[in-house]
């Protein structure tokens, strides 16, 4: 192989491995912060699927890292642009990442030109990736953990202030509907008898309309003008308990999968005579 071709493969391998390591580390931090398990499955499943489809080592390595890069870029871009990630969309991107190279390979095979990957490119890509991914992932996860603790502390404090008990249920009122995904993925409630994730709760939206009027009086004549009409959406969370009476206190905690991040014990107000 000419020296120019070897150098080109070396540079391409270094770039692909480095970019994939950075993308995977950033995506890992986003997933850890949001606690979206569906995105973890997509991020791991896409490269594993490519590794199972192809037998040629170089092609398997490069296309597996390509799939991980594509899913990682989507996760990071979605978080930056939309302020969060949608697990369903991430799974859809993972399917595209798997199907695209397979489709191109089949088309080239029909034309009699099989897709090949240089062995040096595959090896350089894997070496650069494995060298960088662990320290970068550790750095991103450490930063994500600090941010997650800060966000979870604010979220637990808000829920603690607004939670109350009703007959057979725990209710949290006056929440921002934009925080639904955070509540579902991160927050759970522990009683003496059971643990409940808010992903199992019922979420209700309430719309409140406000009208701002201006009253003026001139020469004994009063006039009322409507200046603005505004609507505000709030959310109500209803968690049904499993055949038990609402407890006197609960433990609110944030989690990422089975790992607990923060806990907060909350004393619940005594129910009124109507509620009891």
Protein backbone atom coordinates (compact mmCIF):
# COMPACT_ATOMS: atom_id res chain seq x y z
CA UNK A 1 0.00 0.00 0.00
CA UNK A 2 1.40 3.45 -0.88
CA UNK A 3 2.59 5.64 1.97
CA UNK A 4 -0.09 8.25 1.14
CA UNK A 5 -2.88 5.68 1.48
CA UNK A 6 -1.49 4.42 4.79
CA UNK A 7 -1.30 7.96 6.13
CA UNK A 8 -4.86 8.66 4.98
CA UNK A 9 -6.15 5.55 6.76
CA UNK A 10 -4.22 6.51 9.88
CA UNK A 11 -5.68 10.02 9.98
CA UNK A 12 -9.21 8.80 9.21
CA UNK A 13 -8.98 6.15 11.92
CA UNK A 14 -7.72 8.64 14.50
CA UNK A 15 -10.46 11.12 13.64
CA UNK A 16 -13.28 8.55 13.67
CA UNK A 17 -12.10 6.97 16.92
CA UNK A 18 -11.61 10.31 18.65
CA UNK A 19 -14.91 11.81 17.51
CA UNK A 20 -16.79 8.65 18.52
CA UNK A 21 -15.16 8.61 21.96
CA UNK A 22 -16.06 12.27 22.53
CA UNK A 23 -19.62 11.76 21.26
CA UNK A 24 -20.16 8.66 23.38
CA UNK A 25 -18.84 10.40 26.50
CA UNK A 26 -21.09 13.43 25.97
CA UNK A 27 -24.11 11.22 25.26
CA UNK A 28 -23.36 9.16 28.37
CA UNK A 29 -23.41 12.31 30.47
CA UNK A 30 -26.76 13.37 29.01
CA UNK A 31 -28.31 9.94 29.58
CA UNK A 32 -27.01 9.77 33.14
CA UNK A 33 -28.43 13.20 33.93
CA UNK A 34 -31.86 12.46 32.41
CA UNK A 35 -32.07 8.82 33.51
CA UNK A 36 -33.56 7.60 30.21
CA UNK A 37 -33.07 3.82 30.05
CA UNK A 38 -34.43 3.61 26.49
CA UNK A 39 -31.57 5.75 25.24
CA UNK A 40 -29.05 3.45 26.94
CA UNK A 41 -30.52 0.47 25.09
CA UNK A 42 -30.33 2.34 21.78
CA UNK A 43 -26.78 3.55 22.36
CA UNK A 44 -25.53 0.06 23.20
CA UNK A 45 -27.81 -1.88 20.88
CA UNK A 46 -26.86 -0.15 17.62
CA UNK A 47 -23.11 -0.99 17.71
CA UNK A 48 -23.79 -4.49 19.07
CA UNK A 49 -26.17 -5.14 16.19
CA UNK A 50 -23.54 -4.04 13.67
CA UNK A 51 -20.97 -6.30 15.34
CA UNK A 52 -23.34 -9.25 15.01
CA UNK A 53 -24.21 -8.58 11.36
CA UNK A 54 -20.67 -8.37 9.96
CA UNK A 55 -17.99 -11.05 10.18
CA UNK A 56 -15.06 -9.13 8.69
CA UNK A 57 -13.14 -7.68 11.70
CA UNK A 58 -12.23 -4.30 10.19
CA UNK A 59 -15.72 -3.66 8.84
CA UNK A 60 -17.25 -4.78 12.13
CA UNK A 61 -15.11 -2.36 14.15
CA UNK A 62 -15.60 0.67 11.95
CA UNK A 63 -19.35 0.23 11.42
CA UNK A 64 -19.97 -0.49 15.09
CA UNK A 65 -18.28 2.76 16.05
CA UNK A 66 -20.12 4.56 13.23
CA UNK A 67 -23.47 3.40 14.70
CA UNK A 68 -22.45 4.52 18.19
CA UNK A 69 -21.35 7.89 16.81
CA UNK A 70 -24.62 8.49 14.95
CA UNK A 71 -26.78 7.72 17.98
CA UNK A 72 -24.51 9.76 20.27
CA UNK A 73 -24.64 12.81 18.00
CA UNK A 74 -28.43 12.67 17.93
CA UNK A 75 -28.65 12.42 21.73
CA UNK A 76 -26.30 15.36 22.28
CA UNK A 77 -27.93 17.50 19.57
CA UNK A 78 -31.42 16.75 20.88
CA UNK A 79 -30.38 17.74 24.40
CA UNK A 80 -28.81 20.98 23.19
CA UNK A 81 -31.69 21.98 20.90
CA UNK A 82 -34.73 20.63 22.77
CA UNK A 83 -33.49 20.65 26.33
CA UNK A 84 -33.99 16.90 26.73
CA UNK A 85 -34.05 13.58 24.93
CA UNK A 86 -36.92 11.47 23.62
CA UNK A 87 -36.20 7.78 24.10
CA UNK A 88 -38.51 6.78 21.24
CA UNK A 89 -36.73 9.06 18.79
CA UNK A 90 -33.34 7.78 19.95
CA UNK A 91 -34.48 4.21 19.27
CA UNK A 92 -35.65 5.27 15.81
CA UNK A 93 -32.24 6.82 15.06
CA UNK A 94 -30.57 3.61 16.25
CA UNK A 95 -32.66 1.61 13.77
CA UNK A 96 -31.62 3.98 10.97
CA UNK A 97 -27.98 3.70 12.03
CA UNK A 98 -28.24 -0.09 11.68
CA UNK A 99 -30.25 -0.15 8.46
CA UNK A 100 -28.29 2.46 6.51
CA UNK A 101 -24.94 0.67 6.08
CA UNK A 102 -26.67 -2.67 5.57
CA UNK A 103 -28.80 -1.18 2.79
CA UNK A 104 -25.78 0.44 1.14
CA UNK A 105 -23.86 -2.83 1.38
CA UNK A 106 -26.70 -4.77 -0.26
CA UNK A 107 -26.98 -2.26 -3.09
CA UNK A 108 -23.24 -2.40 -3.75
CA UNK A 109 -23.34 -6.19 -3.66
CA UNK A 110 -26.04 -6.20 -6.36
CA UNK A 111 -23.76 -4.00 -8.45
CA UNK A 112 -20.87 -6.40 -7.90
CA UNK A 113 -18.89 -4.01 -5.71
CA UNK A 114 -18.72 -5.13 -2.10
CA UNK A 115 -18.08 -2.58 0.62
CA UNK A 116 -14.66 -3.15 2.14
CA UNK A 117 -12.82 -1.54 5.05
CA UNK A 118 -9.05 -1.40 5.24
CA UNK A 119 -7.56 -3.40 8.13
CA UNK A 120 -5.30 -0.52 9.16
CA UNK A 121 -8.27 1.87 9.27
CA UNK A 122 -10.20 -0.53 11.49
CA UNK A 123 -7.32 -1.08 13.88
CA UNK A 124 -6.41 2.63 14.17
CA UNK A 125 -10.05 3.53 14.80
CA UNK A 126 -10.40 1.02 17.62
CA UNK A 127 -7.08 1.97 19.24
CA UNK A 128 -7.86 5.70 19.27
CA UNK A 129 -11.38 5.02 20.55
CA UNK A 130 -10.38 2.71 23.39
CA UNK A 131 -7.57 5.04 24.44
CA UNK A 132 -9.88 8.03 24.88
CA UNK A 133 -13.34 6.72 25.73
CA UNK A 134 -12.77 5.70 29.37
CA UNK A 135 -11.13 8.92 30.65
CA UNK A 136 -13.58 11.06 28.69
CA UNK A 137 -16.55 9.05 29.95
CA UNK A 138 -15.33 9.35 33.54
CA UNK A 139 -14.98 13.12 33.15
CA UNK A 140 -18.42 13.57 31.58
CA UNK A 141 -20.14 11.34 34.14
CA UNK A 142 -18.54 13.23 37.01
CA UNK A 143 -19.81 16.52 35.60
CA UNK A 144 -23.23 15.02 34.87
CA UNK A 145 -23.45 13.70 38.44
CA UNK A 146 -22.85 17.14 39.91
CA UNK A 147 -25.46 18.69 37.64
CA UNK A 148 -27.90 15.85 38.35
CA UNK A 149 -27.54 16.36 42.11
CA UNK A 150 -28.24 20.06 41.75
CA UNK A 151 -31.29 19.55 39.52
CA UNK A 152 -32.62 16.67 41.65
CA UNK A 153 -32.27 18.70 44.84
CA UNK A 154 -34.42 21.48 43.36
CA UNK A 155 -36.94 18.96 42.03
CA UNK A 156 -37.23 17.09 45.34
CA UNK A 157 -37.65 20.37 47.19
CA UNK A 158 -40.49 21.41 44.88
CA UNK A 159 -42.28 18.06 45.22
CA UNK A 160 -41.81 18.10 49.00
CA UNK A 161 -43.49 21.50 49.24
CA UNK A 162 -46.48 20.50 47.10
CA UNK A 163 -47.18 16.88 48.04
CA UNK A 164 -50.22 16.09 50.16
CA UNK A 165 -52.21 13.01 50.98
CA UNK A 166 -55.77 12.21 50.09
CA UNK A 167 -57.84 9.10 50.58
CA UNK A 168 -55.82 6.24 49.10
CA UNK A 169 -53.54 8.56 47.08
CA UNK A 170 -50.64 10.97 47.22
CA UNK A 171 -51.15 14.14 45.18
CA UNK A 172 -48.67 16.75 43.97
CA UNK A 173 -50.22 19.96 42.63
CA UNK A 174 -49.04 23.04 40.77
CA UNK A 175 -46.15 21.51 38.81
CA UNK A 176 -44.72 22.71 35.52
CA UNK A 177 -45.84 20.32 32.71
CA UNK A 178 -42.37 20.62 31.14
CA UNK A 179 -40.96 18.70 34.11
CA UNK A 180 -43.01 15.57 33.45
CA UNK A 181 -40.15 13.60 31.88
CA UNK A 182 -37.85 14.52 34.76
CA UNK A 183 -40.43 13.38 37.30
CA UNK A 184 -41.10 10.11 35.49
CA UNK A 185 -37.44 9.21 34.95
CA UNK A 186 -35.90 10.47 38.19
CA UNK A 187 -38.30 10.63 41.14
CA UNK A 188 -39.79 7.90 43.32
CA UNK A 189 -41.57 7.78 46.67
CA UNK A 190 -40.89 5.25 49.41
CA UNK A 191 -43.38 4.45 52.15
CA UNK A 192 -43.11 1.94 54.97
CA UNK A 193 -44.79 -0.70 52.80
CA UNK A 194 -43.71 -0.09 49.20
CA UNK A 195 -41.77 2.02 46.73
CA UNK A 196 -43.59 3.89 43.96
CA UNK A 197 -42.03 5.43 40.86
CA UNK A 198 -43.72 8.51 39.48
CA UNK A 199 -43.65 6.87 36.05
CA UNK A 200 -46.59 4.80 37.38
CA UNK A 201 -48.54 7.88 38.49
CA UNK A 202 -51.39 9.62 36.70
CA UNK A 203 -50.53 13.03 35.21
CA UNK A 204 -53.27 15.61 34.69
CA UNK A 205 -52.95 18.96 32.96
CA UNK A 206 -54.85 22.01 34.15
CA UNK A 207 -55.24 25.20 32.13
CA UNK A 208 -55.94 28.47 33.93
CA UNK A 209 -56.98 31.59 32.07
CA UNK A 210 -56.27 35.08 33.35
CA UNK A 211 -57.82 38.31 32.14
CA UNK A 212 -56.20 41.68 32.84
CA UNK A 213 -58.66 44.60 32.74
CA UNK A 214 -58.13 48.33 33.04
CA UNK A 215 -60.91 50.40 34.59
CA UNK A 216 -60.98 54.11 33.83
CA UNK A 217 -63.45 56.78 34.95
CA UNK A 218 -63.84 60.10 33.19
CA UNK A 219 -66.54 62.65 33.99
CA UNK A 220 -68.55 60.09 35.88
CA UNK A 221 -68.40 57.52 33.08
CA UNK A 222 -66.62 54.29 33.95
CA UNK A 223 -65.03 52.29 31.19
CA UNK A 224 -63.46 48.82 31.42
CA UNK A 225 -60.99 47.60 28.81
CA UNK A 226 -59.51 44.12 28.47
CA UNK A 227 -55.76 44.51 28.11
CA UNK A 228 -54.60 40.91 27.88
CA UNK A 229 -55.84 37.34 28.19
CA UNK A 230 -53.30 34.78 29.33
CA UNK A 231 -53.43 31.03 29.81
CA UNK A 232 -51.17 29.07 32.15
CA UNK A 233 -50.76 25.30 32.10
CA UNK A 234 -50.06 23.47 35.33
CA UNK A 235 -49.76 19.76 36.09
CA UNK A 236 -51.20 17.53 38.79
CA UNK A 237 -49.65 14.16 39.72
CA UNK A 238 -51.83 11.51 41.36
CA UNK A 239 -50.15 8.41 42.79
CA UNK A 240 -52.52 5.64 43.85
CA UNK A 241 -51.32 3.60 46.79
CA UNK A 242 -51.63 -0.17 46.75
CA UNK A 243 -54.59 -0.66 49.05
CA UNK A 244 -53.00 1.13 51.99
CA UNK A 245 -53.87 4.30 53.82
CA UNK A 246 -51.69 7.35 53.07
CA UNK A 247 -48.73 7.33 55.49
CA UNK A 248 -47.80 10.05 57.93
CA UNK A 249 -44.46 10.56 56.19
CA UNK A 250 -42.71 9.45 53.01
CA UNK A 251 -39.21 9.44 51.62
CA UNK A 252 -38.77 11.21 48.30
CA UNK A 253 -35.69 10.11 46.40
CA UNK A 254 -34.12 10.65 43.03
CA UNK A 255 -32.53 7.78 41.16
CA UNK A 256 -30.80 6.66 37.98
CA UNK A 257 -31.95 3.14 37.40
CA UNK A 258 -31.29 1.24 40.67
CA UNK A 259 -28.86 3.88 41.99
CA UNK A 260 -30.17 6.46 44.46
CA UNK A 261 -28.85 10.01 44.08
CA UNK A 262 -30.61 12.00 46.82
CA UNK A 263 -33.22 11.35 49.52
CA UNK A 264 -35.57 13.66 51.42
CA UNK A 265 -38.00 12.67 54.20
CA UNK A 266 -41.27 14.60 54.16
CA UNK A 267 -43.86 14.80 56.93
CA UNK A 268 -47.33 14.82 55.37
CA UNK A 269 -50.10 17.01 56.75
CA UNK A 270 -52.90 15.28 58.60
CA UNK A 271 -55.94 14.83 56.35
CA UNK A 272 -59.05 16.83 57.10
CA UNK A 273 -62.23 15.22 58.34
CA UNK A 274 -63.64 15.21 54.78
CA UNK A 275 -60.54 13.42 53.43
CA UNK A 276 -60.40 10.87 56.19
